[in-house]
Every structure is written in structure tokens, then in C-alpha cells.
Amino acid sequence: MPTPPFFSGQSLLRSCKMLLLAAAFCASAAHADSYADVNRLINAGQLPQALVKADAHLAASPKDPQMRFLKGVIQTQAGKSDEAIALFTQITTDYPELAEPYNNLAVLYAAQGQLDKARATLEMALRANPAYATAHENLGDVYAQLASQSYSRALQLDAGNPALRPKLALMRQLLAPAKAP
């Protein structure tokens, strides 16, 4: 199954960049420069250098949730989804009260077509932070993709049902990547 459009590379990158802003949780003043350096390198697309800095920081503070989160973002952007999934999963185990790692984990699941896992993980994000707008948006996208799959399957089973084609078309329109003005 192809990657759902709302979790395409551009959308995934945009989500990760937006979440870099949210990565400010649990920061201490002593480590602020490390976080800023890693963020700067990520934003500049210098992922190997960002990873070196993140790993150096984590050697001294291995449980630091913010730097671990940033490392997961680096892994995601570097195409190392399995490593990012493992890291975000560990962060959610260690810090279940943080919504952002759940959200990033769900984005990775959705990109792999694991929509049920993405849905469940986004629900965990919203239990951790019911006011987390990005997780609400992503959950809506997952539900829309699930609806599209259900309408497609229903159409395969009952091609003569006149109500299915307009619903499927609406879902496809909703899920189509937005065009820049």
C-alpha cells in the first residue's frame, strides 16, 4: 500500500519541523546550547553532524528526553524509520506523560501504512495532552485514510452502490496534498 498522502515526505518533514519547536520540554539552561546546536544542524539539513552532537550530549545525559526526541527526529529525517520507531517507543515508555513522542511515533506508523497502530498511538498522545492540536489533526488524517480504505473495499464488494463513489471521491479529495497558492 502506498504511503498515505497526508504523511508524504513533505508532510512528514513539516510535522517533524513543527515538532522541533515542541521539543523544548524538559530543557535545562545548561543544555540549551546543545539543543540549539542540534536544532540548527537539523534545520540546515546537516543530519550527520546533528547526530554526532546529539550522541555526544546523550553520552553524558543518556535519559535526556528532549535530546532523545531530537535524535528521533534526526533518524526520521535520515530515513532510519526503524531506529526512530525504537527510540520514540522507548521515550514513551520512560516518559508516558509526554505527548510529542507518541505523535512522532504515530506519524512513522502511518507512513508505513500501519493506520491502526497510528490511531492507537495518537490516542495515547491525546491522553497525555488533550489540547495537543497537531495530534488531533493527525488523528483526523488517520481516520480519513481509514475511511477511504473502507469505502474502497465496500466499492470492491458492491460496485453497484451509488453512494460509495461520491464518498470515496470526497475522501480522496480531502487526502490529496494541498497545493501552494
Protein backbone atom coordinates (compact mmCIF):
# COMPACT_ATOMS: atom_id res chain seq x y z
CA MET A 1 0.00 0.00 0.00
CA PRO A 2 1.43 3.44 -0.88
CA THR A 3 2.25 5.98 1.77
CA PRO A 4 -0.88 7.93 2.71
CA PRO A 5 -0.67 11.41 1.13
CA PHE A 6 -1.01 13.23 4.43
CA PHE A 7 2.11 11.51 5.66
CA SER A 8 4.12 12.03 2.48
CA GLY A 9 7.73 13.12 2.71
CA GLN A 10 6.86 16.82 2.68
CA SER A 11 4.14 16.42 5.28
CA LEU A 12 6.33 14.20 7.45
CA LEU A 13 9.18 16.70 7.21
CA ARG A 14 6.80 19.58 8.03
CA SER A 15 5.41 17.65 11.01
CA CYS A 16 8.89 16.89 12.28
CA LYS A 17 9.98 20.51 11.88
CA MET A 18 6.88 21.70 13.71
CA LEU A 19 7.63 19.26 16.45
CA LEU A 20 11.15 20.57 16.81
CA LEU A 21 9.51 23.61 18.31
CA ALA A 22 7.66 21.36 20.73
CA ALA A 23 10.91 19.69 21.71
CA ALA A 24 11.51 22.36 24.32
CA PHE A 25 10.11 20.11 27.06
CA CYS A 26 12.38 19.27 29.98
CA ALA A 27 15.17 21.61 28.84
CA SER A 28 17.66 22.91 31.35
CA ALA A 29 19.67 26.09 30.90
CA ALA A 30 22.96 24.16 31.00
CA HIS A 31 21.99 22.17 27.92
CA ALA A 32 20.28 24.96 25.97
CA ASP A 33 23.28 25.44 23.68
CA SER A 34 23.38 21.73 22.81
CA TYR A 35 19.69 21.77 21.90
CA ALA A 36 20.10 24.95 19.86
CA ASP A 37 23.11 23.50 18.04
CA VAL A 38 21.32 20.26 17.21
CA ASN A 39 18.19 22.13 16.10
CA ARG A 40 20.28 24.43 13.91
CA LEU A 41 22.02 21.48 12.28
CA ILE A 42 18.73 19.66 11.70
CA ASN A 43 17.17 22.75 10.14
CA ALA A 44 20.24 23.15 7.92
CA GLY A 45 19.89 19.54 6.76
CA GLN A 46 23.21 18.60 8.33
CA LEU A 47 21.88 15.38 9.82
CA PRO A 48 25.20 13.51 10.32
CA GLN A 49 26.63 16.45 12.26
CA ALA A 50 23.40 16.81 14.25
CA LEU A 51 23.55 13.13 15.14
CA VAL A 52 27.15 13.42 16.33
CA LYS A 53 26.20 16.35 18.58
CA ALA A 54 23.10 14.58 19.87
CA ASP A 55 25.05 11.41 20.63
CA ALA A 56 27.76 13.40 22.43
CA HIS A 57 25.12 15.06 24.60
CA LEU A 58 23.40 11.72 25.26
CA ALA A 59 26.70 10.14 26.30
CA ALA A 60 26.67 12.50 29.28
CA SER A 61 22.87 12.52 29.80
CA PRO A 62 21.50 9.28 28.36
CA LYS A 63 17.94 9.73 29.67
CA ASP A 64 17.50 13.34 28.48
CA PRO A 65 14.06 13.19 26.82
CA GLN A 66 14.49 16.32 24.72
CA MET A 67 17.77 15.23 23.14
CA ARG A 68 16.46 11.71 22.65
CA PHE A 69 13.45 13.26 20.92
CA LEU A 70 15.72 15.33 18.67
CA LYS A 71 17.74 12.22 17.86
CA GLY A 72 14.49 10.53 16.82
CA VAL A 73 13.72 13.48 14.55
CA ILE A 74 17.19 13.16 13.02
CA GLN A 75 16.67 9.44 12.46
CA THR A 76 13.27 10.10 10.89
CA GLN A 77 14.61 12.71 8.51
CA ALA A 78 17.58 10.47 7.66
CA GLY A 79 15.18 7.70 6.60
CA LYS A 80 16.03 5.48 9.55
CA SER A 81 12.39 4.81 10.46
CA ASP A 82 13.00 1.59 12.37
CA GLU A 83 15.59 3.26 14.60
CA ALA A 84 13.31 6.27 15.13
CA ILE A 85 10.38 4.00 16.00
CA ALA A 86 12.51 2.16 18.56
CA LEU A 87 13.70 5.44 20.10
CA PHE A 88 10.28 7.11 20.24
CA THR A 89 8.80 3.92 21.69
CA GLN A 90 11.43 3.92 24.43
CA ILE A 91 10.78 7.60 25.18
CA THR A 92 7.04 6.89 25.54
CA THR A 93 7.88 4.07 27.94
CA ASP A 94 10.20 6.25 30.01
CA TYR A 95 8.07 9.41 29.82
CA PRO A 96 4.44 8.42 29.14
CA GLU A 97 3.28 11.91 30.12
CA LEU A 98 4.92 13.47 27.02
CA ALA A 99 2.62 13.67 24.00
CA GLU A 100 5.16 14.62 21.33
CA PRO A 101 6.99 11.27 21.12
CA TYR A 102 3.64 9.49 20.71
CA ASN A 103 2.73 11.84 17.88
CA ASN A 104 6.02 11.29 16.05
CA LEU A 105 5.72 7.55 16.55
CA ALA A 106 2.21 7.66 15.07
CA VAL A 107 3.44 9.62 12.04
CA LEU A 108 6.00 6.90 11.39
CA TYR A 109 3.41 4.15 11.76
CA ALA A 110 1.05 5.94 9.38
CA ALA A 111 3.83 6.42 6.83
CA GLN A 112 4.30 2.64 6.92
CA GLY A 113 0.58 2.08 6.37
CA GLN A 114 0.05 0.85 9.94
CA LEU A 115 -3.01 3.01 10.44
CA ASP A 116 -4.47 1.09 13.40
CA LYS A 117 -1.19 1.46 15.29
CA ALA A 118 -1.04 5.13 14.32
CA ARG A 119 -4.59 5.67 15.60
CA ALA A 120 -3.90 3.97 18.92
CA THR A 121 -0.65 5.88 19.38
CA LEU A 122 -2.30 9.23 18.62
CA GLU A 123 -4.96 8.40 21.19
CA MET A 124 -2.15 7.91 23.71
CA ALA A 125 -0.74 11.32 22.73
CA LEU A 126 -4.12 12.88 23.38
CA ARG A 127 -4.47 11.14 26.72
CA ALA A 128 -1.12 12.69 27.66
CA ASN A 129 -2.16 16.12 26.35
CA PRO A 130 -5.82 16.57 25.32
CA ALA A 131 -5.05 20.08 24.00
CA TYR A 132 -2.35 18.91 21.54
CA ALA A 133 -3.70 20.27 18.25
CA THR A 134 -1.18 18.51 15.99
CA ALA A 135 -2.15 15.11 17.40
CA HIS A 136 -5.83 15.93 16.86
CA GLU A 137 -5.10 16.88 13.25
CA ASN A 138 -3.05 13.75 12.66
CA LEU A 139 -5.77 11.59 14.21
CA GLY A 140 -8.29 13.17 11.83
CA ASP A 141 -5.97 12.35 8.92
CA VAL A 142 -5.69 8.74 10.08
CA TYR A 143 -9.46 8.44 10.37
CA ALA A 144 -9.86 9.93 6.88
CA GLN A 145 -7.38 7.40 5.45
CA LEU A 146 -9.20 4.56 7.24
CA ALA A 147 -12.50 5.83 5.82
CA SER A 148 -11.00 5.92 2.34
CA GLN A 149 -9.82 2.33 2.69
CA SER A 150 -13.25 1.24 3.93
CA TYR A 151 -15.05 2.97 1.06
CA SER A 152 -12.63 1.40 -1.44
CA ARG A 153 -13.24 -2.04 0.00
CA ALA A 154 -17.01 -1.51 0.06
CA LEU A 155 -16.88 -0.46 -3.61
CA GLN A 156 -14.98 -3.64 -4.48
CA LEU A 157 -17.65 -5.68 -2.74
CA ASP A 158 -20.64 -3.71 -4.04
CA ALA A 159 -19.73 -1.83 -7.23
CA GLY A 160 -23.39 -1.01 -7.84
CA ASN A 161 -23.84 1.04 -4.66
CA PRO A 162 -24.32 4.61 -5.93
CA ALA A 163 -23.46 6.21 -2.56
CA LEU A 164 -19.90 4.85 -2.44
CA ARG A 165 -18.23 6.62 -5.37
CA PRO A 166 -19.02 10.17 -4.15
CA LYS A 167 -17.86 9.30 -0.63
CA LEU A 168 -14.63 7.79 -1.93
CA ALA A 169 -14.06 10.79 -4.20
CA LEU A 170 -14.58 13.13 -1.24
CA MET A 171 -12.07 11.22 0.87
CA ARG A 172 -9.51 11.25 -1.95
CA GLN A 173 -10.01 14.98 -2.38
CA LEU A 174 -9.62 15.50 1.35
CA LEU A 175 -6.44 13.45 1.45
CA ALA A 176 -4.85 14.98 -1.65
CA PRO A 177 -1.77 17.06 -0.88
CA ALA A 178 -2.56 20.74 -0.60
CA LYS A 179 -1.36 22.89 -3.47
CA ALA A 180 0.57 26.05 -2.69
CA PRO A 181 -1.29 29.27 -3.60
